Structure formats: structure tokens, C-alpha cells
Amino acid sequence: MIDHTLAQPPETPAEVAAAILDAIDAQPGALDMWLWTSLAPCQSLAPDQLVGDITLCVAGWACRVSGWTLVCSDIGMDYAHKGGPRYNIADVAANALGLSHEEAEDLFSQSEDIARQQLAIIAGH
């Protein structure tokens, strides 16, 4: 298992995108753009937990590297939180990556290769 936790969560969209690329490069297969997560219902993934064999989409990775806990609910209302209110994962990720709703929707519907390319652009690579 690889530890994808960060000492200090990234603050800018470029830093978030770079952290996502670093995390998914460190663990091939950790990015799955067709299923937001491989977490089981009622399972959560805190930012300080080891990822193991769990896969996440770009939105899930954006939340994770930004210090959010991800929760896969048993009723399909998955969310992210930092110990307080619950937020939509796509909304948290869009904000972390500095994207409009439309831009985020486009990124989150891409293949892994295209998503990586778009993240590299955001990261300034």
C-alpha cells in the first residue's frame, strides 16, 4: 500500500492538480474515471488513511489530496466532509481545481488519459 497523504494539503488549483498526478503516478490503477470510487457502501476514506487498492476518479482524488474525507453512503448520497457539513464531491473537487461547473463536468466525464492531460494543464506541466 502507498501512503497518499500529504503533510500540508495543496492550496492552489495547480498544486491540487499536481498532487493528484503525483498520487496516481505513484499507484498505477488508482485512477478510475468510470466509477468515482471503489469504496464499499458505508465506507469512508480519511485523508490520513492509506489508499491500498481503492480507486478514485479525478473528483475523488481532488477531494482527498485537499484534505477531505470521502464517504460512500449506502443510499447513493456520497459526500465529502472535513468533520462538519457534508458537500457534494464534484462541487468540492471543482472548487479545489478552480473549475466552473461546466469545466468540472467536462473533466469528470473524460477517460483516464484525457483527464491526466487536463490535470497537467491545470498543474502547469
Protein backbone atom coordinates (compact mmCIF):
# COMPACT_ATOMS: atom_id res chain seq x y z
CA MET A 1 0.00 0.00 0.00
CA ILE A 2 1.13 3.50 -0.77
CA ASP A 3 0.54 6.42 1.55
CA HIS A 4 -1.01 9.25 -0.48
CA THR A 5 -1.43 11.55 2.48
CA LEU A 6 0.16 14.97 2.37
CA ALA A 7 1.82 16.83 5.21
CA GLN A 8 0.08 20.03 4.10
CA PRO A 9 -2.87 19.91 1.68
CA PRO A 10 -2.31 21.83 -1.55
CA GLU A 11 -3.97 25.23 -1.70
CA THR A 12 -3.99 26.34 -5.33
CA PRO A 13 -5.65 24.57 -8.27
CA ALA A 14 -2.19 23.98 -9.78
CA GLU A 15 -0.97 22.39 -6.54
CA VAL A 16 -4.10 20.22 -6.30
CA ALA A 17 -3.72 19.01 -9.90
CA ALA A 18 -0.01 18.29 -9.35
CA ALA A 19 -0.79 16.37 -6.14
CA ILE A 20 -3.39 14.28 -7.98
CA LEU A 21 -0.90 13.47 -10.74
CA ASP A 22 1.74 12.52 -8.15
CA ALA A 23 -0.71 10.26 -6.32
CA ILE A 24 -1.97 8.43 -9.40
CA ASP A 25 1.53 8.11 -10.84
CA ALA A 26 2.69 6.51 -7.58
CA GLN A 27 -0.01 3.84 -7.78
CA PRO A 28 -0.90 2.64 -11.29
CA GLY A 29 -4.57 1.74 -11.46
CA ALA A 30 -5.57 4.17 -8.70
CA LEU A 31 -7.46 6.37 -11.19
CA ASP A 32 -10.80 5.09 -12.49
CA MET A 33 -12.85 7.63 -14.40
CA TRP A 34 -15.87 5.36 -14.85
CA LEU A 35 -16.61 4.83 -11.17
CA TRP A 36 -15.98 7.63 -8.68
CA THR A 37 -14.67 5.18 -6.09
CA SER A 38 -14.26 1.53 -5.31
CA LEU A 39 -15.17 2.20 -1.66
CA ALA A 40 -17.90 -0.11 -0.39
CA PRO A 41 -21.23 1.35 0.77
CA CYS A 42 -20.90 2.91 4.24
CA GLN A 43 -17.11 3.01 3.87
CA SER A 44 -15.12 6.21 4.23
CA LEU A 45 -11.59 7.26 3.33
CA ALA A 46 -9.98 9.89 5.53
CA PRO A 47 -7.12 11.94 4.09
CA ASP A 48 -4.66 10.31 6.51
CA GLN A 49 -5.67 6.73 5.65
CA LEU A 50 -3.66 4.52 3.33
CA VAL A 51 -5.36 4.07 -0.02
CA GLY A 52 -4.49 0.41 -0.61
CA ASP A 53 -6.35 -0.98 -3.61
CA ILE A 54 -9.04 1.71 -3.61
CA THR A 55 -9.57 3.57 -6.86
CA LEU A 56 -10.90 7.10 -7.20
CA CYS A 57 -11.89 9.33 -10.08
CA VAL A 58 -10.33 12.79 -10.53
CA ALA A 59 -13.04 14.35 -8.35
CA GLY A 60 -12.37 11.86 -5.56
CA TRP A 61 -8.62 12.42 -5.80
CA ALA A 62 -9.09 16.21 -5.75
CA CYS A 63 -11.06 15.94 -2.52
CA ARG A 64 -8.61 13.51 -0.98
CA VAL A 65 -5.43 15.47 -1.71
CA SER A 66 -7.19 18.62 -0.46
CA GLY A 67 -7.76 17.08 2.97
CA TRP A 68 -11.39 15.94 2.69
CA THR A 69 -12.79 12.66 3.99
CA LEU A 70 -14.74 10.78 1.32
CA VAL A 71 -17.84 8.79 2.26
CA CYS A 72 -19.64 6.26 0.09
CA SER A 73 -23.12 6.15 1.57
CA ASP A 74 -25.46 3.20 1.42
CA ILE A 75 -28.23 5.30 -0.17
CA GLY A 76 -26.29 6.81 -3.07
CA MET A 77 -25.73 10.20 -1.44
CA ASP A 78 -21.92 10.09 -1.43
CA TYR A 79 -20.20 13.13 0.02
CA ALA A 80 -17.03 14.79 1.29
CA HIS A 81 -16.56 16.42 4.68
CA LYS A 82 -13.90 17.88 6.96
CA GLY A 83 -15.62 16.99 10.21
CA GLY A 84 -18.57 19.32 9.66
CA PRO A 85 -21.14 19.82 6.90
CA ARG A 86 -21.35 17.35 4.03
CA TYR A 87 -20.64 18.55 0.50
CA ASN A 88 -21.09 17.11 -2.96
CA ILE A 89 -17.83 15.52 -4.09
CA ALA A 90 -17.96 17.08 -7.57
CA ASP A 91 -18.54 20.54 -6.08
CA VAL A 92 -15.61 20.22 -3.66
CA ALA A 93 -13.37 18.94 -6.46
CA ALA A 94 -14.39 21.68 -8.89
CA ASN A 95 -13.61 24.30 -6.28
CA ALA A 96 -10.24 22.71 -5.43
CA LEU A 97 -9.28 22.62 -9.12
CA GLY A 98 -10.56 26.14 -9.81
CA LEU A 99 -13.10 24.94 -12.37
CA SER A 100 -16.55 26.17 -13.27
CA HIS A 101 -19.40 23.67 -13.04
CA GLU A 102 -19.25 23.12 -16.81
CA GLU A 103 -15.46 22.70 -16.87
CA ALA A 104 -15.61 20.25 -13.98
CA GLU A 105 -18.41 18.28 -15.61
CA ASP A 106 -16.28 18.01 -18.76
CA LEU A 107 -13.14 16.90 -16.87
CA PHE A 108 -15.01 14.39 -14.73
CA SER A 109 -16.52 12.69 -17.80
CA GLN A 110 -13.21 12.12 -19.62
CA SER A 111 -11.12 8.98 -20.00
CA GLU A 112 -8.11 8.48 -17.74
CA ASP A 113 -5.68 9.64 -20.45
CA ILE A 114 -7.60 12.84 -21.25
CA ALA A 115 -8.12 13.54 -17.53
CA ARG A 116 -4.36 13.24 -16.96
CA GLN A 117 -3.72 15.65 -19.83
CA GLN A 118 -6.19 18.17 -18.44
CA LEU A 119 -4.70 17.86 -14.95
CA ALA A 120 -1.24 18.50 -16.40
CA ILE A 121 -2.54 21.70 -17.99
CA ILE A 122 -4.07 22.85 -14.69
CA ALA A 123 -0.80 21.95 -12.92
CA GLY A 124 1.18 23.97 -15.44
CA HIS A 125 3.22 20.98 -16.68
